[in-house]
Protein backbone atom coordinates (compact mmCIF):
# COMPACT_ATOMS: atom_id res chain seq x y z
CA MET A 1 -25.79 -17.39 13.86
CA ILE A 2 -22.54 -16.49 12.12
CA ARG A 3 -22.25 -13.48 10.12
CA ARG A 4 -25.11 -11.85 11.76
CA SER A 5 -24.77 -8.07 11.38
CA ILE A 6 -24.21 -5.66 14.20
CA SER A 7 -25.22 -2.06 14.51
CA LYS A 8 -22.85 0.63 13.29
CA ARG A 9 -22.54 2.12 16.79
CA THR A 10 -21.54 -1.19 18.33
CA ARG A 11 -18.90 -1.66 15.68
CA LEU A 12 -17.47 1.84 16.28
CA LEU A 13 -17.47 1.20 20.06
CA LEU A 14 -15.77 -2.21 19.57
CA GLY A 15 -13.21 -0.69 17.39
CA PHE A 16 -12.51 2.19 19.73
CA ALA A 17 -12.29 -0.23 22.65
CA SER A 18 -9.59 -2.36 20.96
CA PHE A 19 -7.38 0.69 20.67
CA VAL A 20 -7.98 1.62 24.18
CA VAL A 21 -6.91 -2.02 25.25
CA ILE A 22 -3.73 -1.69 23.15
CA LEU A 23 -2.82 1.68 24.67
CA LEU A 24 -3.57 0.57 28.25
CA GLY A 25 -1.42 -2.67 27.60
CA TYR A 26 1.49 -0.59 26.35
CA ALA A 27 1.25 1.89 29.10
CA TRP A 28 1.32 -0.93 31.59
CA MET A 29 4.40 -2.56 30.05
CA SER A 30 6.30 0.79 29.86
CA HIS A 31 5.55 1.51 33.48
CA ARG A 32 7.07 -1.82 34.47
CA ALA A 33 10.05 -1.33 32.28
CA HIS A 34 10.71 2.16 33.75
CA VAL A 35 10.30 0.87 37.39
CA GLU A 36 13.11 -1.54 36.69
CA ASN A 37 15.18 0.87 34.65
CA PRO A 38 14.18 4.63 34.62
CA ARG A 39 16.35 5.21 31.71
CA ASN A 40 14.65 2.56 29.53
CA LYS A 41 14.40 3.58 25.97
CA THR A 42 12.85 0.41 24.40
CA LEU A 43 9.33 1.12 25.79
CA PRO A 44 9.27 4.99 26.00
CA ASN A 45 6.77 6.62 28.32
CA PHE A 46 4.75 9.82 27.41
CA SER A 47 7.49 12.24 28.51
CA GLN A 48 9.95 10.44 26.24
CA PHE A 49 7.38 10.48 23.29
CA GLN A 50 7.04 14.35 23.93
CA GLU A 51 10.80 14.72 23.67
CA GLY A 52 10.87 12.88 20.36
CA TRP A 53 7.94 14.85 19.03
CA GLN A 54 9.86 18.05 19.94
CA LYS A 55 12.89 16.82 18.13
CA MET A 56 10.72 16.12 15.07
CA ALA A 57 9.17 19.65 15.25
CA THR A 58 12.56 21.42 15.59
CA GLY A 59 14.76 19.12 13.39
CA ASP A 60 17.08 18.25 16.37
CA GLY A 61 19.05 15.14 16.14
CA GLY A 62 19.25 15.03 12.38
CA ILE A 63 15.49 14.39 12.14
CA LYS A 64 14.04 15.92 8.98
CA PHE A 65 10.40 15.06 9.49
CA TRP A 66 9.04 17.06 6.47
CA ASP A 67 11.79 16.17 4.10
CA ASP A 68 10.93 12.52 4.82
CA VAL A 69 7.34 12.88 4.27
CA LYS A 70 7.89 14.75 1.03
CA ALA A 71 10.48 12.12 -0.19
CA SER A 72 8.47 9.10 0.77
CA SER A 73 5.09 10.38 -0.40
CA THR A 74 6.55 11.33 -3.74
CA ARG A 75 8.20 7.93 -4.23
CA LEU A 76 5.09 5.99 -3.15
CA ALA A 77 2.55 8.04 -5.39
CA VAL A 78 4.67 7.69 -8.43
CA GLY A 79 5.66 3.99 -7.92
CA VAL A 80 1.91 3.15 -7.15
CA GLY A 81 0.70 5.28 -10.18
CA ILE A 82 3.06 3.60 -12.57
CA GLY A 83 2.46 0.00 -11.16
CA VAL A 84 -1.45 0.49 -11.41
CA LEU A 85 -1.18 1.91 -15.01
CA LEU A 86 0.96 -0.94 -16.11
CA ALA A 87 -1.36 -3.51 -14.49
CA PHE A 88 -4.45 -1.97 -15.96
CA VAL A 89 -3.27 -2.05 -19.44
CA ILE A 90 -1.58 -5.41 -19.34
CA GLY A 91 -4.12 -6.95 -17.14
CA LEU A 92 -7.07 -5.64 -19.25
CA ALA A 93 -5.26 -7.05 -22.49
CA MET A 94 -4.80 -10.39 -21.00
CA GLY A 95 -8.31 -10.51 -19.78
CA CYS A 96 -9.85 -9.72 -23.15
CA ILE A 97 -7.45 -11.12 -25.78
CA PRO A 98 -6.52 -14.81 -25.14
CA GLN A 99 -3.39 -14.52 -27.22
CA VAL A 100 -2.09 -11.87 -25.14
CA GLU A 101 -2.80 -13.91 -21.98
CA ALA A 102 -1.13 -17.06 -23.55
CA VAL A 103 2.15 -14.91 -24.15
CA LEU A 104 2.29 -12.89 -20.85
CA LEU A 105 0.45 -14.90 -18.06
CA PRO A 106 3.32 -17.37 -17.53
CA PRO A 107 6.23 -14.89 -17.11
CA ILE A 108 4.06 -12.59 -15.11
CA SER A 109 2.89 -15.50 -12.84
CA PHE A 110 6.49 -16.53 -12.51
CA PHE A 111 7.79 -13.07 -11.48
CA ALA A 112 4.82 -12.65 -9.08
CA LYS A 113 6.40 -15.40 -7.03
CA ILE A 114 9.68 -13.73 -6.56
CA PRO A 115 9.79 -11.27 -3.53
CA PRO A 116 10.82 -7.88 -5.18
CA THR A 117 13.18 -7.13 -2.32
CA ALA A 118 15.06 -10.35 -3.27
CA MET A 119 15.66 -8.74 -6.88
CA LEU A 120 17.37 -5.68 -5.43
CA ALA A 121 20.72 -6.60 -7.04
CA VAL A 122 18.81 -6.73 -10.39
CA TYR A 123 17.35 -3.23 -9.87
CA PHE A 124 20.77 -1.96 -8.97
CA VAL A 125 21.95 -2.88 -12.32
CA LEU A 126 18.97 -1.76 -14.20
CA PHE A 127 18.10 1.50 -12.48
CA GLY A 128 21.17 2.32 -10.39
CA VAL A 129 21.83 2.53 -6.75
CA THR A 130 20.85 6.28 -6.17
CA GLY A 131 17.94 8.55 -7.41
CA MET A 132 14.27 8.18 -7.73
CA LYS A 133 14.27 5.27 -10.17
CA ILE A 134 15.32 2.43 -7.96
CA PHE A 135 12.37 3.31 -5.55
CA VAL A 136 9.86 3.67 -8.10
CA ALA A 137 10.87 0.62 -9.88
CA LEU A 138 10.86 -1.52 -6.78
CA ILE A 139 7.29 -0.28 -5.92
CA ALA A 140 5.88 -0.26 -9.42
CA PHE A 141 7.23 -3.78 -10.41
CA GLY A 142 6.57 -5.15 -7.04
CA ILE A 143 2.76 -4.53 -7.19
CA PHE A 144 2.31 -4.95 -10.99
CA PRO A 145 2.39 -8.86 -11.25
CA THR A 146 -0.25 -9.53 -8.80
CA LEU A 147 -2.39 -6.57 -9.65
CA ALA A 148 -2.26 -7.53 -13.44
CA GLN A 149 -3.46 -11.07 -12.76
CA ALA A 150 -6.30 -9.87 -10.54
CA ILE A 151 -7.53 -7.29 -13.40
CA ALA A 152 -7.28 -10.09 -16.02
CA GLN A 153 -9.20 -12.54 -13.81
CA ALA A 154 -11.93 -9.88 -13.14
CA ALA A 155 -12.32 -9.16 -16.92
CA GLN A 156 -12.75 -13.09 -17.59
CA LYS A 157 -14.98 -13.89 -14.70
CA ASP A 158 -16.96 -10.71 -13.77
CA VAL A 159 -18.27 -9.80 -17.30
CA ASP A 160 -20.66 -12.52 -18.73
CA GLU A 161 -20.55 -13.64 -22.36
CA HIS A 162 -24.17 -12.63 -22.94
CA THR A 163 -23.39 -8.82 -22.24
CA ILE A 164 -20.47 -9.01 -24.69
CA TYR A 165 -22.55 -10.62 -27.48
CA LYS A 166 -25.45 -8.11 -26.78
CA SER A 167 -22.93 -5.26 -27.33
CA TYR A 168 -21.57 -6.56 -30.57
CA THR A 169 -25.25 -7.07 -31.65
CA LEU A 170 -26.01 -3.37 -31.12
CA GLY A 171 -22.80 -2.49 -33.20
CA ALA A 172 -20.21 -1.77 -30.74
CA SER A 173 -16.57 -1.89 -32.00
CA HIS A 174 -13.72 -4.06 -29.99
CA PHE A 175 -12.73 -0.91 -28.28
CA GLU A 176 -16.09 0.18 -27.34
CA VAL A 177 -16.93 -3.25 -26.03
CA ILE A 178 -13.52 -3.02 -23.77
CA TRP A 179 -14.09 0.39 -22.63
CA GLU A 180 -17.85 0.80 -22.27
CA VAL A 181 -18.61 -2.89 -21.13
CA VAL A 182 -15.46 -4.47 -19.60
CA VAL A 183 -13.81 -1.66 -17.91
CA ARG A 184 -16.90 -0.14 -16.53
CA GLN A 185 -17.94 -3.73 -15.14
CA ILE A 186 -14.67 -4.36 -13.36
CA LEU A 187 -13.74 -0.86 -12.25
CA PRO A 188 -14.83 -1.45 -8.59
CA ARG A 189 -12.70 -4.62 -8.68
CA ILE A 190 -9.79 -2.69 -10.11
CA ILE A 191 -10.08 -0.03 -7.40
CA GLU A 192 -10.40 -2.81 -4.74
CA ASN A 193 -7.38 -4.71 -5.89
CA ALA A 194 -5.29 -1.50 -6.10
CA ARG A 195 -6.30 -0.71 -2.52
CA LEU A 196 -5.03 -4.00 -1.40
CA GLN A 197 -1.73 -3.41 -3.04
CA ILE A 198 -1.05 -0.15 -0.88
CA GLY A 199 0.30 -2.26 2.01
CA PRO A 200 2.76 -4.14 -0.05
CA ALA A 201 3.79 -0.94 -1.68
CA MET A 202 4.57 0.70 1.50
CA VAL A 203 6.59 -2.49 2.49
CA PHE A 204 8.78 -2.13 -0.63
CA LEU A 205 9.20 1.61 -0.21
CA ILE A 206 10.31 1.31 3.41
CA ALA A 207 12.68 -1.70 2.47
CA ALA A 208 14.26 0.25 -0.21
CA GLU A 209 14.68 3.41 1.85
CA PHE A 210 16.01 1.38 4.68
CA ALA A 211 18.82 -0.05 2.51
CA LEU A 212 19.54 2.82 0.10
CA ALA A 213 18.13 6.26 0.86
CA ASP A 214 19.57 9.29 2.80
CA VAL A 215 16.13 10.77 3.21
CA GLY A 216 12.71 9.33 3.80
CA PHE A 217 10.75 7.11 6.42
CA GLY A 218 12.82 4.08 5.95
CA TYR A 219 16.11 5.90 6.35
CA THR A 220 15.12 7.75 9.58
CA LEU A 221 13.73 4.34 11.05
CA ARG A 222 17.10 2.92 10.35
CA MET A 223 19.14 5.61 11.84
CA GLN A 224 16.92 5.99 14.91
CA SER A 225 16.74 2.27 15.38
CA ARG A 226 20.59 2.11 15.58
CA LEU A 227 20.34 4.97 18.26
CA GLN A 228 17.68 3.22 19.99
CA ASN A 229 15.39 6.22 19.95
CA LEU A 230 12.17 4.01 19.90
CA ASN A 231 10.08 7.06 20.73
CA ILE A 232 10.87 8.35 17.15
CA VAL A 233 10.55 4.87 15.67
CA TYR A 234 7.19 4.28 17.18
CA THR A 235 5.93 7.76 16.12
CA TYR A 236 6.95 7.07 12.48
CA LEU A 237 5.22 3.63 12.65
CA ILE A 238 1.99 5.24 13.71
CA ILE A 239 2.17 7.90 11.20
CA LEU A 240 2.80 5.13 8.33
CA GLY A 241 -0.33 3.33 9.80
CA VAL A 242 -2.55 6.44 9.88
CA ALA A 243 -1.28 7.36 6.20
CA GLY A 244 -2.13 3.91 5.00
CA LEU A 245 -5.66 3.83 6.58
CA ALA A 246 -6.16 7.29 5.04
CA ILE A 247 -5.27 6.21 1.57
CA ASP A 248 -7.43 2.98 2.10
CA TRP A 249 -10.34 5.13 3.10
CA CYS A 250 -9.98 7.55 0.03
CA LEU A 251 -9.93 4.68 -2.30
CA ILE A 252 -13.05 3.30 -0.55
CA LEU A 253 -14.74 6.63 -0.96
CA MET A 254 -13.59 6.81 -4.67
CA ARG A 255 -15.08 3.41 -5.32
CA ARG A 256 -18.42 4.42 -3.70
CA LYS A 257 -18.45 7.51 -5.67
CA LEU A 258 -17.54 6.08 -9.08
CA CYS A 259 -19.46 2.68 -8.69
CA PRO A 260 -22.47 3.41 -6.40
CA TRP A 261 -24.17 0.26 -7.70
CA PHE A 262 -21.38 -2.09 -6.38
CA GLY A 263 -22.46 -1.51 -2.68
CA GLU A 264 -20.35 -1.64 0.36
C-alpha cells in the first residue's frame, strides 16, 4: 500500500545507509582515479582532505575560513531577514486587501519569473558593485516575489470566511482580525515557505560571491576551483549542506514550538 508509514528507527537506518553508500561509492571512484594517477586532484583521497583541512585551520594558501563564515553568514542572515519581512508585509496585504492584490500581484508575478542572477547588471546600477548592499539585495529580492505570493495565497485559502465573520461579529477591528486571526492561522505556512526559500537564498549568495566578492564561500570556491584544489571545494560544499540542514531543522523546531497544533 502506497504511503504506508514506517518506524522511526527504520527511517533513520535507511537515511544513514544512503550516506554510507554515497561515501563508499566516492571512496571507490577516488581509489580507481589514484591507481591510474597518484597525483589526481579531482577526486581527493582522505590524506588530501586532511591536507586541505590543515590549510583551512592554519590559513595557508590564502584560505580564510572563519572570515568566509562570518562574511557569508552575515550576508545570508540580513538578506533573508529583509526578504522575509518584505514578503510578510506585502503578502499579507495582498491576501487581506483585494485592491492591494490587484495593484501588486501582476508586477510581483512578472518579476518572480525572472532569475535574480540574470538581473545582476540592474543590481550593479542600483546598489553598486562592491559592499554589502549588492549581496543583500540579490538575496532579499530573489526570495521576495515567490514568498510574497505564497503568503498571500495562504491568507486567502487557509482562513475561512466564517472565522473572519465571527471575529467581526465579536467586535474585532480590521487590524485585530488580520493580526489575531489571519496571521495566527497562517503562521505555520509562513515559516514553512520561508524554510523552503533557504536553498534559493544560498544559491543567490554563492552566485553573487562567486562573481563579485573578495571574501566568502563563493569567492573561495571560485579561487580553489581555479587551482583545482577539490579537497577544499568539496569540504566547503559539505559545510554549506550541513549549514542548510541546520537552518532547516531550526525552522522546523520553531514551527513546532510556535504552532504545536499544526502537526508534523
